[in-house]
Amino acid sequence: MNADLPLTRQLHAGAVARGLRDCTAPLPALPEAFALVRDMPYARTSDHDPVTALREWRGTCSTKHVLLKALLAERGLRSTLMACTQEITPPPGAPPELLALAAGRPVVDIHNYLVVHAPQGDMLVDATWPLTAAPAGLPVNPEWRWGESQRLACTPLESWPVPEGVSVAAFKDRLLRERFSAAELERRDAFIRAVGQLFLAGEAASPPSSSGSSY
């Protein structure tokens, strides 16, 4: 445990700068820290360092959960970062650019989430989608309840724990290349970029809908 909580302090500072917390408020407890990470816009960061996610105030399923794992660790709580294959199928009401990229076929991906080894018992945690995504039907977890598993942002097909000390980006890249073709990966990359652009363009209030899949 890191008594100084440096990442939590940076999370607090980032939230204050965006009008999400009062500068005089105490550091956020874990349920609020989860909510702050969850509500970061869904978009890729320039790298997978937790500090980068805080500085750029954004993240995808991988970077948000790498950050959340680090926030848990500095409070002395263990967690396991998980990776799973999934297929994304945008419904007819999705934005036209996403429908065009999908072209009527599922988009493959590797999703990340956490298993938190809490004192109350292991719990699944998924901070992928901001609360603003809920009206579009995306699977959002509105709160953190100790010992209660959250809804995952996808239906896992195959799942693996990411080994401690191994880069999530490298682990994910290896799985993607082992299981999917170059053409499938090109479609995936274009699709995820397009989703991130929609959120960063200010469309998070009415983000792309899905049939229970994680982008």
C-alpha atoms as a PDB file:
ATOM      1  CA  MET A   1       0.000   0.000   0.000  1.00  0.00           C
ATOM      2  CA  ASN A   2       1.219   3.495  -0.880  1.00  0.00           C
ATOM      3  CA  ALA A   3       0.078   5.814   1.916  1.00  0.00           C
ATOM      4  CA  ASP A   4       0.630   8.887  -0.276  1.00  0.00           C
ATOM      5  CA  LEU A   5      -1.874   7.606  -2.897  1.00  0.00           C
ATOM      6  CA  PRO A   6      -0.180   9.461  -5.792  1.00  0.00           C
ATOM      7  CA  LEU A   7      -2.521   8.178  -8.520  1.00  0.00           C
ATOM      8  CA  THR A   8      -5.598   8.919  -6.410  1.00  0.00           C
ATOM      9  CA  ARG A   9      -4.259  12.450  -5.906  1.00  0.00           C
ATOM     10  CA  GLN A  10      -3.825  12.832  -9.668  1.00  0.00           C
ATOM     11  CA  LEU A  11      -7.345  11.468 -10.201  1.00  0.00           C
ATOM     12  CA  HIS A  12      -8.679  14.035  -7.733  1.00  0.00           C
ATOM     13  CA  ALA A  13      -6.735  16.854  -9.417  1.00  0.00           C
ATOM     14  CA  GLY A  14      -8.022  15.842 -12.853  1.00  0.00           C
ATOM     15  CA  ALA A  15     -11.588  15.736 -11.570  1.00  0.00           C
ATOM     16  CA  VAL A  16     -11.219  19.162  -9.922  1.00  0.00           C
ATOM     17  CA  ALA A  17      -9.820  20.644 -13.161  1.00  0.00           C
ATOM     18  CA  ARG A  18     -12.934  19.400 -14.989  1.00  0.00           C
ATOM     19  CA  GLY A  19     -15.403  20.632 -12.380  1.00  0.00           C
ATOM     20  CA  LEU A  20     -16.234  17.120 -11.179  1.00  0.00           C
ATOM     21  CA  ARG A  21     -14.970  17.545  -7.600  1.00  0.00           C
ATOM     22  CA  ASP A  22     -14.383  20.399  -5.177  1.00  0.00           C
ATOM     23  CA  CYS A  23     -10.727  21.195  -4.600  1.00  0.00           C
ATOM     24  CA  THR A  24     -11.255  21.055  -0.826  1.00  0.00           C
ATOM     25  CA  ALA A  25     -12.888  17.600  -0.903  1.00  0.00           C
ATOM     26  CA  PRO A  26     -11.025  14.669   0.632  1.00  0.00           C
ATOM     27  CA  LEU A  27      -9.486  12.171  -1.750  1.00  0.00           C
ATOM     28  CA  PRO A  28     -12.120   9.958  -3.364  1.00  0.00           C
ATOM     29  CA  ALA A  29     -12.856   6.599  -1.780  1.00  0.00           C
ATOM     30  CA  LEU A  30     -12.725   3.599  -4.115  1.00  0.00           C
ATOM     31  CA  PRO A  31     -16.414   3.665  -5.136  1.00  0.00           C
ATOM     32  CA  GLU A  32     -16.034   7.265  -6.300  1.00  0.00           C
ATOM     33  CA  ALA A  33     -12.641   6.578  -7.870  1.00  0.00           C
ATOM     34  CA  PHE A  34     -14.300   3.794  -9.878  1.00  0.00           C
ATOM     35  CA  ALA A  35     -17.015   6.207 -11.029  1.00  0.00           C
ATOM     36  CA  LEU A  36     -14.484   8.835 -12.104  1.00  0.00           C
ATOM     37  CA  VAL A  37     -12.555   6.289 -14.179  1.00  0.00           C
ATOM     38  CA  ARG A  38     -15.753   4.841 -15.635  1.00  0.00           C
ATOM     39  CA  ASP A  39     -16.983   8.265 -16.718  1.00  0.00           C
ATOM     40  CA  MET A  40     -13.815   9.192 -18.590  1.00  0.00           C
ATOM     41  CA  PRO A  41     -14.642   9.403 -22.327  1.00  0.00           C
ATOM     42  CA  TYR A  42     -14.178   6.139 -24.175  1.00  0.00           C
ATOM     43  CA  ALA A  43     -11.192   6.756 -26.470  1.00  0.00           C
ATOM     44  CA  ARG A  44      -7.654   5.504 -26.914  1.00  0.00           C
ATOM     45  CA  THR A  45      -4.780   7.043 -24.990  1.00  0.00           C
ATOM     46  CA  SER A  46      -1.305   7.611 -26.405  1.00  0.00           C
ATOM     47  CA  ASP A  47       0.021   4.698 -24.279  1.00  0.00           C
ATOM     48  CA  HIS A  48      -1.138   2.320 -21.524  1.00  0.00           C
ATOM     49  CA  ASP A  49       0.518   4.073 -18.584  1.00  0.00           C
ATOM     50  CA  PRO A  50      -2.039   4.924 -15.846  1.00  0.00           C
ATOM     51  CA  VAL A  51      -0.577   8.430 -15.602  1.00  0.00           C
ATOM     52  CA  THR A  52      -1.298   8.949 -19.298  1.00  0.00           C
ATOM     53  CA  ALA A  53      -4.950   8.018 -18.842  1.00  0.00           C
ATOM     54  CA  LEU A  54      -5.182  10.558 -16.027  1.00  0.00           C
ATOM     55  CA  ARG A  55      -3.405  13.257 -18.015  1.00  0.00           C
ATOM     56  CA  GLU A  56      -5.434  12.703 -21.193  1.00  0.00           C
ATOM     57  CA  TRP A  57      -8.611  11.915 -19.210  1.00  0.00           C
ATOM     58  CA  ARG A  58      -9.816   9.125 -21.462  1.00  0.00           C
ATOM     59  CA  GLY A  59      -9.477   5.380 -21.863  1.00  0.00           C
ATOM     60  CA  THR A  60     -10.693   2.176 -23.477  1.00  0.00           C
ATOM     61  CA  CYS A  61     -11.386  -1.106 -21.721  1.00  0.00           C
ATOM     62  CA  SER A  62      -7.655  -1.806 -21.440  1.00  0.00           C
ATOM     63  CA  THR A  63      -6.406   1.576 -20.228  1.00  0.00           C
ATOM     64  CA  LYS A  64      -9.308   2.199 -17.847  1.00  0.00           C
ATOM     65  CA  HIS A  65      -8.761  -1.139 -16.141  1.00  0.00           C
ATOM     66  CA  VAL A  66      -4.980  -0.777 -16.009  1.00  0.00           C
ATOM     67  CA  LEU A  67      -5.596   2.556 -14.244  1.00  0.00           C
ATOM     68  CA  LEU A  68      -8.211   1.096 -11.920  1.00  0.00           C
ATOM     69  CA  LYS A  69      -5.924  -1.832 -11.052  1.00  0.00           C
ATOM     70  CA  ALA A  70      -3.167   0.652 -10.119  1.00  0.00           C
ATOM     71  CA  LEU A  71      -5.585   2.715  -8.009  1.00  0.00           C
ATOM     72  CA  LEU A  72      -6.596  -0.446  -6.145  1.00  0.00           C
ATOM     73  CA  ALA A  73      -2.974  -1.517  -5.664  1.00  0.00           C
ATOM     74  CA  GLU A  74      -1.924   1.732  -4.029  1.00  0.00           C
ATOM     75  CA  ARG A  75      -4.634   1.078  -1.418  1.00  0.00           C
ATOM     76  CA  GLY A  76      -3.359  -2.445  -0.827  1.00  0.00           C
ATOM     77  CA  LEU A  77      -6.059  -4.303  -2.787  1.00  0.00           C
ATOM     78  CA  ARG A  78      -5.201  -7.071  -5.242  1.00  0.00           C
ATOM     79  CA  SER A  79      -6.919  -7.491  -8.576  1.00  0.00           C
ATOM     80  CA  THR A  80      -6.463  -9.591 -11.700  1.00  0.00           C
ATOM     81  CA  LEU A  81      -6.662  -7.999 -15.132  1.00  0.00           C
ATOM     82  CA  MET A  82      -8.617 -10.261 -17.478  1.00  0.00           C
ATOM     83  CA  ALA A  83      -8.699 -10.487 -21.269  1.00  0.00           C
ATOM     84  CA  CYS A  84     -11.440 -12.144 -23.320  1.00  0.00           C
ATOM     85  CA  THR A  85     -12.374 -12.525 -26.966  1.00  0.00           C
ATOM     86  CA  GLN A  86     -15.683 -11.073 -28.096  1.00  0.00           C
ATOM     87  CA  GLU A  87     -17.686 -10.213 -31.204  1.00  0.00           C
ATOM     88  CA  ILE A  88     -19.299  -6.794 -31.663  1.00  0.00           C
ATOM     89  CA  THR A  89     -22.492  -6.513 -33.707  1.00  0.00           C
ATOM     90  CA  PRO A  90     -23.846  -2.956 -34.029  1.00  0.00           C
ATOM     91  CA  PRO A  91     -27.659  -2.897 -34.341  1.00  0.00           C
ATOM     92  CA  PRO A  92     -29.449  -1.099 -37.216  1.00  0.00           C
ATOM     93  CA  GLY A  93     -29.797   2.089 -35.141  1.00  0.00           C
ATOM     94  CA  ALA A  94     -26.036   2.549 -34.680  1.00  0.00           C
ATOM     95  CA  PRO A  95     -24.303   5.548 -36.323  1.00  0.00           C
ATOM     96  CA  PRO A  96     -23.883   5.014 -40.078  1.00  0.00           C
ATOM     97  CA  GLU A  97     -20.086   5.129 -39.942  1.00  0.00           C
ATOM     98  CA  LEU A  98     -20.074   2.176 -37.525  1.00  0.00           C
ATOM     99  CA  LEU A  99     -22.580   0.223 -39.605  1.00  0.00           C
ATOM    100  CA  ALA A 100     -20.442   0.810 -42.689  1.00  0.00           C
ATOM    101  CA  LEU A 101     -17.320  -0.453 -40.912  1.00  0.00           C
ATOM    102  CA  ALA A 102     -19.110  -3.541 -39.604  1.00  0.00           C
ATOM    103  CA  ALA A 103     -20.670  -4.226 -43.023  1.00  0.00           C
ATOM    104  CA  GLY A 104     -23.171  -6.664 -41.547  1.00  0.00           C
ATOM    105  CA  ARG A 105     -20.501  -8.867 -39.948  1.00  0.00           C
ATOM    106  CA  PRO A 106     -19.335  -9.020 -36.302  1.00  0.00           C
ATOM    107  CA  VAL A 107     -16.231  -7.033 -35.412  1.00  0.00           C
ATOM    108  CA  VAL A 108     -13.757  -9.080 -33.381  1.00  0.00           C
ATOM    109  CA  ASP A 109     -12.002  -7.714 -30.316  1.00  0.00           C
ATOM    110  CA  ILE A 110     -10.264  -8.505 -27.032  1.00  0.00           C
ATOM    111  CA  HIS A 111     -12.013  -6.982 -24.020  1.00  0.00           C
ATOM    112  CA  ASN A 112     -10.427  -6.252 -20.626  1.00  0.00           C
ATOM    113  CA  TYR A 113     -12.022  -6.169 -17.184  1.00  0.00           C
ATOM    114  CA  LEU A 114     -10.960  -6.817 -13.581  1.00  0.00           C
ATOM    115  CA  VAL A 115     -11.481  -9.469 -10.953  1.00  0.00           C
ATOM    116  CA  VAL A 116     -11.058  -7.561  -7.682  1.00  0.00           C
ATOM    117  CA  HIS A 117      -9.995  -9.724  -4.720  1.00  0.00           C
ATOM    118  CA  ALA A 118     -11.946  -7.729  -2.140  1.00  0.00           C
ATOM    119  CA  PRO A 119     -12.179  -8.641   1.555  1.00  0.00           C
ATOM    120  CA  GLN A 120     -15.861  -9.433   0.931  1.00  0.00           C
ATOM    121  CA  GLY A 121     -14.951 -11.851  -1.867  1.00  0.00           C
ATOM    122  CA  ASP A 122     -13.912 -11.748  -5.509  1.00  0.00           C
ATOM    123  CA  MET A 123     -15.961  -9.398  -7.687  1.00  0.00           C
ATOM    124  CA  LEU A 124     -16.036  -8.678 -11.417  1.00  0.00           C
ATOM    125  CA  VAL A 125     -15.506  -4.991 -12.197  1.00  0.00           C
ATOM    126  CA  ASP A 126     -16.066  -3.329 -15.568  1.00  0.00           C
ATOM    127  CA  ALA A 127     -15.566   0.436 -15.941  1.00  0.00           C
ATOM    128  CA  THR A 128     -15.653   0.522 -19.751  1.00  0.00           C
ATOM    129  CA  TRP A 129     -18.707   2.662 -20.472  1.00  0.00           C
ATOM    130  CA  PRO A 130     -19.508   6.099 -18.986  1.00  0.00           C
ATOM    131  CA  LEU A 131     -22.908   6.704 -17.405  1.00  0.00           C
ATOM    132  CA  THR A 132     -23.792   8.877 -20.398  1.00  0.00           C
ATOM    133  CA  ALA A 133     -23.803   5.717 -22.521  1.00  0.00           C
ATOM    134  CA  ALA A 134     -26.682   4.151 -20.564  1.00  0.00           C
ATOM    135  CA  PRO A 135     -29.546   5.755 -22.573  1.00  0.00           C
ATOM    136  CA  ALA A 136     -28.152   4.105 -25.716  1.00  0.00           C
ATOM    137  CA  GLY A 137     -28.417   0.688 -24.105  1.00  0.00           C
ATOM    138  CA  LEU A 138     -24.709   0.142 -23.506  1.00  0.00           C
ATOM    139  CA  PRO A 139     -23.945  -1.937 -20.395  1.00  0.00           C
ATOM    140  CA  VAL A 140     -23.031   0.632 -17.734  1.00  0.00           C
ATOM    141  CA  ASN A 141     -22.336  -0.141 -14.083  1.00  0.00           C
ATOM    142  CA  PRO A 142     -23.891   2.687 -12.058  1.00  0.00           C
ATOM    143  CA  GLU A 143     -22.165   1.971  -8.768  1.00  0.00           C
ATOM    144  CA  TRP A 144     -19.506   0.005  -6.910  1.00  0.00           C
ATOM    145  CA  ARG A 145     -20.855  -2.361  -4.267  1.00  0.00           C
ATOM    146  CA  TRP A 146     -18.252  -4.228  -2.268  1.00  0.00           C
ATOM    147  CA  GLY A 147     -18.360  -7.963  -2.892  1.00  0.00           C
ATOM    148  CA  GLU A 148     -20.914  -7.712  -5.743  1.00  0.00           C
ATOM    149  CA  SER A 149     -19.870  -8.497  -9.302  1.00  0.00           C
ATOM    150  CA  GLN A 150     -20.715  -5.974 -11.993  1.00  0.00           C
ATOM    151  CA  ARG A 151     -22.118  -6.555 -15.451  1.00  0.00           C
ATOM    152  CA  LEU A 152     -19.420  -7.150 -18.046  1.00  0.00           C
ATOM    153  CA  ALA A 153     -19.484  -4.979 -21.154  1.00  0.00           C
ATOM    154  CA  CYS A 154     -19.522  -8.045 -23.412  1.00  0.00           C
ATOM    155  CA  THR A 155     -20.199 -11.772 -23.514  1.00  0.00           C
ATOM    156  CA  PRO A 156     -16.753 -13.403 -23.189  1.00  0.00           C
ATOM    157  CA  LEU A 157     -15.971 -16.191 -25.627  1.00  0.00           C
ATOM    158  CA  GLU A 158     -12.543 -17.190 -24.241  1.00  0.00           C
ATOM    159  CA  SER A 159     -10.948 -15.610 -21.158  1.00  0.00           C
ATOM    160  CA  TRP A 160      -7.407 -15.357 -19.766  1.00  0.00           C
ATOM    161  CA  PRO A 161      -5.750 -13.583 -16.830  1.00  0.00           C
ATOM    162  CA  VAL A 162      -3.085 -11.104 -17.924  1.00  0.00           C
ATOM    163  CA  PRO A 163       0.099 -12.192 -16.094  1.00  0.00           C
ATOM    164  CA  GLU A 164       1.460  -9.751 -13.517  1.00  0.00           C
ATOM    165  CA  GLY A 165       4.234  -7.594 -14.941  1.00  0.00           C
ATOM    166  CA  VAL A 166       3.210  -8.282 -18.543  1.00  0.00           C
ATOM    167  CA  SER A 167       2.157  -5.347 -20.711  1.00  0.00           C
ATOM    168  CA  VAL A 168      -1.575  -5.516 -21.378  1.00  0.00           C
ATOM    169  CA  ALA A 169      -0.942  -4.050 -24.827  1.00  0.00           C
ATOM    170  CA  ALA A 170       1.572  -6.791 -25.690  1.00  0.00           C
ATOM    171  CA  PHE A 171      -0.637  -9.536 -24.244  1.00  0.00           C
ATOM    172  CA  LYS A 172      -3.664  -8.264 -26.128  1.00  0.00           C
ATOM    173  CA  ASP A 173      -1.719  -7.861 -29.367  1.00  0.00           C
ATOM    174  CA  ARG A 174      -0.466 -11.452 -29.159  1.00  0.00           C
ATOM    175  CA  LEU A 175      -3.976 -12.821 -28.629  1.00  0.00           C
ATOM    176  CA  LEU A 176      -5.375 -10.746 -31.465  1.00  0.00           C
ATOM    177  CA  ARG A 177      -2.708 -11.896 -33.904  1.00  0.00           C
ATOM    178  CA  GLU A 178      -3.048 -15.541 -32.855  1.00  0.00           C
ATOM    179  CA  ARG A 179      -6.808 -15.659 -33.258  1.00  0.00           C
ATOM    180  CA  PHE A 180      -7.771 -13.218 -36.001  1.00  0.00           C
ATOM    181  CA  SER A 181      -6.738 -12.435 -39.568  1.00  0.00           C
ATOM    182  CA  ALA A 182      -5.044  -9.231 -40.688  1.00  0.00           C
ATOM    183  CA  ALA A 183      -8.269  -8.147 -42.391  1.00  0.00           C
ATOM    184  CA  GLU A 184     -10.294  -8.715 -39.192  1.00  0.00           C
ATOM    185  CA  LEU A 185      -7.770  -6.713 -37.172  1.00  0.00           C
ATOM    186  CA  GLU A 186      -7.857  -3.857 -39.662  1.00  0.00           C
ATOM    187  CA  ARG A 187     -11.658  -3.681 -39.348  1.00  0.00           C
ATOM    188  CA  ARG A 188     -11.366  -3.815 -35.557  1.00  0.00           C
ATOM    189  CA  ASP A 189      -8.856  -0.972 -35.455  1.00  0.00           C
ATOM    190  CA  ALA A 190     -10.964   1.253 -37.699  1.00  0.00           C
ATOM    191  CA  PHE A 191     -14.100   0.475 -35.687  1.00  0.00           C
ATOM    192  CA  ILE A 192     -12.543   1.317 -32.308  1.00  0.00           C
ATOM    193  CA  ARG A 193     -11.058   4.553 -33.682  1.00  0.00           C
ATOM    194  CA  ALA A 194     -14.486   5.537 -34.999  1.00  0.00           C
ATOM    195  CA  VAL A 195     -16.174   4.894 -31.636  1.00  0.00           C
ATOM    196  CA  GLY A 196     -13.530   6.977 -29.860  1.00  0.00           C
ATOM    197  CA  GLN A 197     -13.977   9.833 -32.324  1.00  0.00           C
ATOM    198  CA  LEU A 198     -17.723   9.843 -31.646  1.00  0.00           C
ATOM    199  CA  PHE A 199     -17.180  10.178 -27.905  1.00  0.00           C
ATOM    200  CA  LEU A 200     -14.463  12.815 -28.222  1.00  0.00           C
ATOM    201  CA  ALA A 201     -16.586  14.786 -30.679  1.00  0.00           C
ATOM    202  CA  GLY A 202     -19.063  15.410 -27.891  1.00  0.00           C
ATOM    203  CA  GLU A 203     -21.537  12.692 -28.790  1.00  0.00           C
ATOM    204  CA  ALA A 204     -21.172  10.876 -25.494  1.00  0.00           C
ATOM    205  CA  ALA A 205     -24.582  12.195 -24.472  1.00  0.00           C
ATOM    206  CA  SER A 206     -26.076   9.973 -27.173  1.00  0.00           C
ATOM    207  CA  PRO A 207     -23.293   7.491 -27.966  1.00  0.00           C
ATOM    208  CA  PRO A 208     -23.473   4.596 -30.418  1.00  0.00           C
ATOM    209  CA  SER A 209     -25.780   1.840 -29.246  1.00  0.00           C
ATOM    210  CA  SER A 210     -24.984  -1.844 -29.258  1.00  0.00           C
ATOM    211  CA  SER A 211     -26.457  -5.217 -28.485  1.00  0.00           C
ATOM    212  CA  GLY A 212     -24.563  -5.648 -25.222  1.00  0.00           C
ATOM    213  CA  SER A 213     -21.096  -5.581 -26.762  1.00  0.00           C
ATOM    214  CA  SER A 214     -18.025  -3.706 -25.618  1.00  0.00           C
ATOM    215  CA  TYR A 215     -16.204  -1.570 -28.140  1.00  0.00           C
END
